[in-house]
Amino acid sequence: MAAPSPATGPATAPGARMSSEMREQPAVLASLADQWPELTTRVAALVQGAAPFGVAFLARGSSDHAALLGRYAVELQTGLPTCLVAPSVATAYQREPKGFAGWLLVALSQSGRTPEIVDLAHRYADAGARVVAVTNDVESELARAAALSIALGAGPELAVPATKTVTAQMLAVLAVAAGLGPGGLTRTQAAALSGAVEQVLGDTEAPSRAAELLAAHDRVAVVGRGACYPSALEGALKLQETTGLMAHGFSTADFRHGPIAVCGPTAPALLLAGSGPADQDTLDLGLALAERRAPVLLAGTAPHADLSWPATGGLGECLLATVRGQQLALATAKFRGVDPDRPVGLNKVTLTS
């Protein structure tokens, strides 16, 4: 049989690369879960004898959404103050991070090469912070700048929309939180996420049905709270990158304070609601959106969800919601005739400084 031509072969079909990398997620997550005792022990050893005053997270783009999950996890488990670093405070406004001596800085970059992330990791270390790097490249500048580096082990990621590195980062920040104190994700819970993600990836019909609705519109609100809030932001970003839709992610609480007004007959909402204590608030939004005659897609653990995922409990459900967002973005791009592997005007590594 003749080899497929470069123009029509499976490797160059629209979305083939993104789809292939999405399917690698269960194996990547299983590998990280296998390292759970080592990862959490290394984090505990880094802060042994000198508990951090707080934990700061440094990231951009999809990595920032993983950082937000880490912030939730650390605050819930330890009660330590946390923050998401605004890089421009140091890079544009030249304010040095002198107040972060004794803090832990968790710096996330899939490539480990984003100049401002590397620069700030050095600045925070010089200011007395202990730096943890979360990156897919163990030889990167960011990894070398850190006192502790967590390697994602996701292998090369070539599609512009990040998929396997994002969920790996999410699991990695949960490992960091688990290493800081009791009550975090256990090794058993971490290991179960791989199978749950595989189960979600096995359902391609639901994303296809949902995508048919989204593809007919030019804007969408993606809404979630608690563990699903980082997924809402990431899901909106994936839709932006892959389809060109005007997608925006919102916290459910913030959405009620005004942004709900953007939804109506021509502007649908995607609600993400798992089995956590904050998710009922998102489910309750359905009534308000129905009054506005806005089309609603529900993703989550409810029996009537359009895009379901298994109820694993805890913050780990953020990964399952994120995978559902990836599937929906991929399917919507195909409906709109867009190749998500090659979004117009985007590059894999964005070299902000």
Protein backbone atom coordinates (compact mmCIF):
# COMPACT_ATOMS: atom_id res chain seq x y z
CA MET A 1 0.00 0.00 0.00
CA ALA A 2 1.32 3.45 -0.90
CA ALA A 3 2.19 5.80 1.93
CA PRO A 4 -0.31 8.64 2.46
CA SER A 5 0.72 11.89 0.90
CA PRO A 6 1.81 14.71 3.23
CA ALA A 7 -1.20 16.74 2.18
CA THR A 8 -3.86 14.14 2.95
CA GLY A 9 -2.31 11.62 5.33
CA PRO A 10 -3.58 11.14 8.87
CA ALA A 11 -0.64 13.04 10.36
CA THR A 12 -1.68 16.24 8.57
CA ALA A 13 -5.46 15.95 8.92
CA PRO A 14 -6.89 19.02 10.73
CA GLY A 15 -6.51 18.54 14.46
CA ALA A 16 -4.60 15.25 14.13
CA ARG A 17 -1.70 16.46 16.20
CA MET A 18 -3.85 17.95 18.96
CA SER A 19 -5.98 14.83 19.06
CA SER A 20 -2.94 12.57 19.29
CA GLU A 21 -1.43 14.56 22.15
CA MET A 22 -4.73 14.58 24.03
CA ARG A 23 -4.79 10.77 23.90
CA GLU A 24 -1.38 10.66 25.59
CA GLN A 25 -2.74 12.25 28.77
CA PRO A 26 -3.63 9.07 30.68
CA ALA A 27 -0.08 7.72 30.30
CA VAL A 28 1.50 11.06 31.28
CA LEU A 29 -0.70 11.34 34.36
CA ALA A 30 -0.09 7.72 35.34
CA SER A 31 3.66 8.33 35.22
CA LEU A 32 3.36 11.38 37.50
CA ALA A 33 1.14 9.43 39.90
CA ASP A 34 3.76 6.68 40.07
CA GLN A 35 6.22 9.34 41.29
CA TRP A 36 3.81 10.72 43.90
CA PRO A 37 5.72 9.63 47.04
CA GLU A 38 8.98 10.99 45.60
CA LEU A 39 7.44 14.30 44.49
CA THR A 40 5.65 15.02 47.75
CA THR A 41 8.70 13.99 49.79
CA ARG A 42 10.95 16.33 47.81
CA VAL A 43 8.59 19.24 48.39
CA ALA A 44 8.36 18.44 52.11
CA ALA A 45 12.15 18.27 52.33
CA LEU A 46 12.48 21.68 50.66
CA VAL A 47 10.43 23.38 53.39
CA GLN A 48 11.48 21.15 56.30
CA GLY A 49 12.48 23.19 59.31
CA ALA A 50 11.42 26.45 57.68
CA ALA A 51 7.77 26.49 56.70
CA PRO A 52 7.12 29.09 54.01
CA PHE A 53 5.40 32.32 54.94
CA GLY A 54 3.27 31.92 51.82
CA VAL A 55 3.18 30.42 48.35
CA ALA A 56 3.33 32.47 45.16
CA PHE A 57 2.59 31.08 41.70
CA LEU A 58 4.25 32.46 38.58
CA ALA A 59 2.92 31.59 35.11
CA ARG A 60 1.37 32.79 31.86
CA GLY A 61 -1.37 31.40 29.61
CA SER A 62 -2.49 27.82 30.22
CA SER A 63 0.18 27.46 32.90
CA ASP A 64 -1.55 30.28 34.80
CA HIS A 65 -4.71 28.19 34.95
CA ALA A 66 -2.78 25.29 36.46
CA ALA A 67 -1.30 27.81 38.91
CA LEU A 68 -4.79 28.87 39.95
CA LEU A 69 -5.60 25.24 40.79
CA GLY A 70 -2.42 25.14 42.88
CA ARG A 71 -3.52 28.26 44.71
CA TYR A 72 -6.85 26.65 45.62
CA ALA A 73 -5.10 23.48 46.80
CA VAL A 74 -2.53 25.26 48.98
CA GLU A 75 -5.08 27.55 50.61
CA LEU A 76 -7.50 24.69 51.30
CA GLN A 77 -4.87 22.37 52.74
CA THR A 78 -2.52 24.65 54.61
CA GLY A 79 -4.22 27.99 55.20
CA LEU A 80 -1.06 29.70 53.96
CA PRO A 81 -1.49 32.98 52.10
CA THR A 82 -1.10 32.57 48.36
CA CYS A 83 -0.96 34.80 45.33
CA LEU A 84 -0.62 34.75 41.56
CA VAL A 85 2.39 36.86 40.63
CA ALA A 86 1.85 39.74 38.21
CA PRO A 87 5.07 39.52 36.13
CA SER A 88 4.83 43.09 34.85
CA VAL A 89 5.23 44.47 38.38
CA ALA A 90 8.88 43.45 38.16
CA THR A 91 9.54 43.44 34.42
CA ALA A 92 7.72 46.61 33.32
CA TYR A 93 7.47 48.57 36.58
CA GLN A 94 10.84 47.40 37.95
CA ARG A 95 9.55 46.63 41.44
CA GLU A 96 11.79 43.96 42.96
CA PRO A 97 10.09 41.17 44.99
CA LYS A 98 11.77 42.04 48.30
CA GLY A 99 8.73 41.09 50.37
CA PHE A 100 8.90 37.44 49.29
CA ALA A 101 11.83 36.32 51.42
CA GLY A 102 10.81 33.07 53.11
CA TRP A 103 8.08 32.35 50.55
CA LEU A 104 7.82 29.46 48.16
CA LEU A 105 7.60 30.43 44.48
CA VAL A 106 6.11 27.85 42.14
CA ALA A 107 7.08 28.83 38.59
CA LEU A 108 5.28 27.08 35.74
CA SER A 109 6.31 27.07 32.10
CA GLN A 110 5.72 24.20 29.70
CA SER A 111 8.83 24.99 27.69
CA GLY A 112 10.85 26.41 30.58
CA ARG A 113 12.09 29.06 28.16
CA THR A 114 9.71 32.01 28.55
CA PRO A 115 12.15 34.86 29.29
CA GLU A 116 10.08 36.71 31.90
CA ILE A 117 9.30 33.52 33.84
CA VAL A 118 12.98 32.56 33.92
CA ASP A 119 14.01 36.11 34.82
CA LEU A 120 11.51 36.33 37.67
CA ALA A 121 12.46 32.91 39.02
CA HIS A 122 16.00 34.23 39.42
CA ARG A 123 14.78 37.49 40.98
CA TYR A 124 12.60 35.71 43.53
CA ALA A 125 15.43 33.34 44.41
CA ASP A 126 17.75 36.32 44.92
CA ALA A 127 15.09 37.88 47.17
CA GLY A 128 15.09 34.80 49.42
CA ALA A 129 12.24 32.74 48.01
CA ARG A 130 12.62 29.01 47.46
CA VAL A 131 11.78 28.28 43.82
CA VAL A 132 9.99 25.19 42.53
CA ALA A 133 9.94 24.83 38.74
CA VAL A 134 7.20 22.88 36.97
CA THR A 135 8.25 22.32 33.37
CA ASN A 136 8.28 19.76 30.60
CA ASP A 137 11.99 20.33 29.91
CA VAL A 138 14.28 19.23 32.74
CA GLU A 139 17.25 20.86 30.97
CA SER A 140 15.54 24.22 30.55
CA GLU A 141 16.69 27.52 32.00
CA LEU A 142 13.76 27.53 34.39
CA ALA A 143 14.62 24.10 35.75
CA ARG A 144 18.20 25.20 36.34
CA ALA A 145 17.04 28.33 38.17
CA ALA A 146 15.03 26.36 40.74
CA ALA A 147 15.88 24.73 44.03
CA LEU A 148 13.50 21.93 43.08
CA SER A 149 12.36 21.01 39.57
CA ILE A 150 9.33 18.85 38.80
CA ALA A 151 9.55 17.32 35.33
CA LEU A 152 6.21 16.70 33.62
CA GLY A 153 7.61 13.93 31.42
CA ALA A 154 4.95 14.61 28.79
CA GLY A 155 7.28 14.25 25.81
CA PRO A 156 7.31 16.68 22.87
CA GLU A 157 4.14 18.74 22.50
CA LEU A 158 3.88 20.07 18.96
CA ALA A 159 0.29 21.26 18.60
CA VAL A 160 -0.06 24.96 19.40
CA PRO A 161 -2.94 24.40 21.86
CA ALA A 162 -1.36 22.84 24.96
CA THR A 163 -3.20 19.76 26.21
CA LYS A 164 -1.12 17.04 27.88
CA THR A 165 1.26 19.53 29.46
CA VAL A 166 -1.64 21.45 31.04
CA THR A 167 -3.21 18.48 32.82
CA ALA A 168 0.28 17.33 33.82
CA GLN A 169 0.95 20.76 35.33
CA MET A 170 -2.34 20.55 37.20
CA LEU A 171 -1.39 17.22 38.72
CA ALA A 172 2.09 18.55 39.51
CA VAL A 173 0.77 21.54 41.49
CA LEU A 174 -1.49 19.18 43.42
CA ALA A 175 1.66 17.22 44.27
CA VAL A 176 3.31 20.42 45.49
CA ALA A 177 0.30 21.15 47.71
CA ALA A 178 0.26 17.59 49.01
CA GLY A 179 3.93 17.92 49.96
CA LEU A 180 3.24 21.03 52.03
CA GLY A 181 0.93 19.38 54.51
CA PRO A 182 -1.73 16.78 55.25
CA GLY A 183 -5.10 16.58 53.56
CA GLY A 184 -3.94 16.81 49.97
CA LEU A 185 -4.43 14.49 47.04
CA THR A 186 -3.23 11.00 47.91
CA ARG A 187 -1.25 8.67 45.68
CA THR A 188 -4.34 6.50 45.23
CA GLN A 189 -6.45 9.50 44.20
CA ALA A 190 -3.72 10.71 41.86
CA ALA A 191 -3.47 7.28 40.25
CA ALA A 192 -7.25 7.11 39.74
CA LEU A 193 -7.21 10.28 37.63
CA SER A 194 -5.44 8.54 34.76
CA GLY A 195 -8.27 6.04 34.33
CA ALA A 196 -10.91 8.73 34.72
CA VAL A 197 -9.26 10.83 31.98
CA GLU A 198 -9.11 7.76 29.75
CA GLN A 199 -12.83 7.21 30.32
CA VAL A 200 -13.58 10.81 29.36
CA LEU A 201 -11.41 10.62 26.24
CA GLY A 202 -13.25 7.47 25.19
CA ASP A 203 -16.47 9.45 24.78
CA THR A 204 -16.20 11.46 21.57
CA GLU A 205 -19.90 11.54 20.67
CA ALA A 206 -20.93 13.97 23.42
CA PRO A 207 -18.31 16.59 22.47
CA SER A 208 -19.35 16.30 18.85
CA ARG A 209 -23.01 16.93 19.68
CA ALA A 210 -22.14 19.88 21.91
CA ALA A 211 -19.79 21.33 19.30
CA GLU A 212 -22.58 21.46 16.74
CA LEU A 213 -24.39 23.92 19.01
CA LEU A 214 -21.32 26.04 19.74
CA ALA A 215 -20.19 26.16 16.12
CA ALA A 216 -23.34 28.07 15.21
CA HIS A 217 -22.42 30.98 17.51
CA ASP A 218 -19.63 33.53 17.67
CA ARG A 219 -19.34 33.92 21.43
CA VAL A 220 -19.72 31.77 24.53
CA ALA A 221 -19.33 32.12 28.28
CA VAL A 222 -17.55 29.28 30.09
CA VAL A 223 -18.45 29.25 33.78
CA GLY A 224 -17.26 27.29 36.80
CA ARG A 225 -16.41 27.63 40.46
CA GLY A 226 -13.93 26.03 42.85
CA ALA A 227 -12.11 23.18 41.14
CA CYS A 228 -13.91 23.99 37.90
CA TYR A 229 -12.92 27.66 37.77
CA PRO A 230 -9.39 27.03 36.42
CA SER A 231 -10.99 24.65 33.91
CA ALA A 232 -13.43 27.35 32.81
CA LEU A 233 -10.56 29.72 32.10
CA GLU A 234 -8.60 27.00 30.30
CA GLY A 235 -11.65 25.82 28.34
CA ALA A 236 -12.33 29.35 27.16
CA LEU A 237 -8.70 29.72 26.10
CA LYS A 238 -8.82 26.47 24.13
CA LEU A 239 -11.94 27.64 22.31
CA GLN A 240 -10.28 30.98 21.55
CA GLU A 241 -7.09 29.37 20.24
CA THR A 242 -8.67 26.65 18.15
CA THR A 243 -11.90 28.13 16.81
CA GLY A 244 -11.68 31.93 16.88
CA LEU A 245 -14.81 32.08 19.05
CA MET A 246 -15.09 35.02 21.43
CA ALA A 247 -14.99 32.74 24.48
CA HIS A 248 -14.59 34.04 28.02
CA GLY A 249 -14.09 32.13 31.26
CA PHE A 250 -15.81 33.26 34.45
CA SER A 251 -16.12 32.37 38.08
CA THR A 252 -19.75 31.51 38.77
CA ALA A 253 -19.90 34.10 41.55
CA ASP A 254 -18.43 36.83 39.36
CA PHE A 255 -20.66 35.81 36.45
CA ARG A 256 -23.75 36.55 38.52
CA HIS A 257 -22.48 40.08 39.22
CA GLY A 258 -22.93 41.30 35.66
CA PRO A 259 -21.35 39.17 32.91
CA ILE A 260 -24.46 36.98 32.77
CA ALA A 261 -25.94 39.84 30.76
CA VAL A 262 -23.86 38.80 27.74
CA CYS A 263 -25.79 35.52 27.45
CA GLY A 264 -28.99 35.24 25.46
CA PRO A 265 -30.46 33.46 22.43
CA THR A 266 -27.33 34.10 20.36
CA ALA A 267 -24.76 33.69 23.13
CA PRO A 268 -24.66 30.29 24.85
CA ALA A 269 -23.05 29.30 28.13
CA LEU A 270 -20.96 26.24 28.96
CA LEU A 271 -21.34 25.38 32.64
CA LEU A 272 -18.73 23.21 34.37
CA ALA A 273 -19.98 21.61 37.58
CA GLY A 274 -18.48 18.57 39.29
CA SER A 275 -19.16 16.98 42.66
CA GLY A 276 -17.52 19.57 44.91
CA PRO A 277 -19.11 21.93 47.45
CA ALA A 278 -18.93 24.93 45.08
CA ASP A 279 -20.58 23.25 42.11
CA GLN A 280 -24.24 23.52 43.10
CA ASP A 281 -23.98 27.27 42.62
CA THR A 282 -23.04 26.67 38.97
CA LEU A 283 -25.88 24.20 38.48
CA ASP A 284 -28.32 26.78 39.85
CA LEU A 285 -27.26 29.19 37.08
CA GLY A 286 -29.22 27.09 34.61
CA LEU A 287 -32.52 28.65 35.72
CA ALA A 288 -31.29 32.21 35.31
CA LEU A 289 -29.87 31.41 31.88
CA ALA A 290 -33.14 29.75 30.83
CA GLU A 291 -34.96 32.98 31.68
CA ARG A 292 -32.59 34.75 29.31
CA ARG A 293 -33.32 32.08 26.63
CA ALA A 294 -29.59 31.35 26.43
CA PRO A 295 -28.57 27.93 25.08
CA VAL A 296 -26.83 26.03 27.87
CA LEU A 297 -24.37 23.15 27.75
CA LEU A 298 -23.65 21.40 31.04
CA ALA A 299 -20.43 19.49 31.62
CA GLY A 300 -19.94 17.65 34.88
CA THR A 301 -21.14 14.87 37.13
CA ALA A 302 -24.88 15.57 37.09
CA PRO A 303 -26.96 12.75 35.52
CA HIS A 304 -28.32 15.15 32.89
CA ALA A 305 -24.92 16.58 31.88
CA ASP A 306 -24.32 16.99 28.15
CA LEU A 307 -20.65 16.20 28.70
CA SER A 308 -20.15 13.98 31.73
CA TRP A 309 -17.15 12.97 33.78
CA PRO A 310 -16.87 10.54 36.70
CA ALA A 311 -17.30 11.95 40.19
CA THR A 312 -13.85 11.44 41.69
CA GLY A 313 -14.27 14.15 44.31
CA GLY A 314 -11.77 16.81 45.29
CA LEU A 315 -9.73 19.18 43.20
CA GLY A 316 -8.64 16.40 40.83
CA GLU A 317 -11.89 16.89 38.93
CA CYS A 318 -10.31 20.03 37.50
CA LEU A 319 -8.32 17.75 35.18
CA LEU A 320 -11.46 15.99 33.96
CA ALA A 321 -13.23 19.28 33.28
CA THR A 322 -10.14 20.49 31.43
CA VAL A 323 -10.10 17.42 29.17
CA ARG A 324 -13.77 17.95 28.36
CA GLY A 325 -12.89 21.51 27.35
CA GLN A 326 -10.13 20.23 25.08
CA GLN A 327 -12.51 17.80 23.38
CA LEU A 328 -15.12 20.48 22.86
CA ALA A 329 -12.58 22.90 21.39
CA LEU A 330 -11.25 20.27 19.00
CA ALA A 331 -14.72 19.23 17.84
CA THR A 332 -15.93 22.83 17.47
CA ALA A 333 -12.88 23.74 15.39
CA LYS A 334 -13.65 20.90 13.00
CA PHE A 335 -17.27 22.03 12.67
CA ARG A 336 -16.07 25.53 11.85
CA GLY A 337 -13.51 24.29 9.32
CA VAL A 338 -10.50 25.45 11.34
CA ASP A 339 -7.31 23.44 11.82
CA PRO A 340 -6.63 23.62 15.59
CA ASP A 341 -3.04 22.45 15.05
CA ARG A 342 -2.28 25.65 13.15
CA PRO A 343 -4.19 28.59 14.68
CA VAL A 344 -3.64 31.77 12.70
CA GLY A 345 -1.05 34.09 14.24
CA LEU A 346 -0.10 31.85 17.19
CA ASN A 347 3.19 30.15 18.05
CA LYS A 348 3.91 27.25 20.37
CA VAL A 349 6.27 29.24 22.60
CA THR A 350 5.42 32.86 23.37
CA LEU A 351 8.58 34.70 24.31
CA THR A 352 7.18 37.47 26.53
CA SER A 353 9.70 39.44 28.56
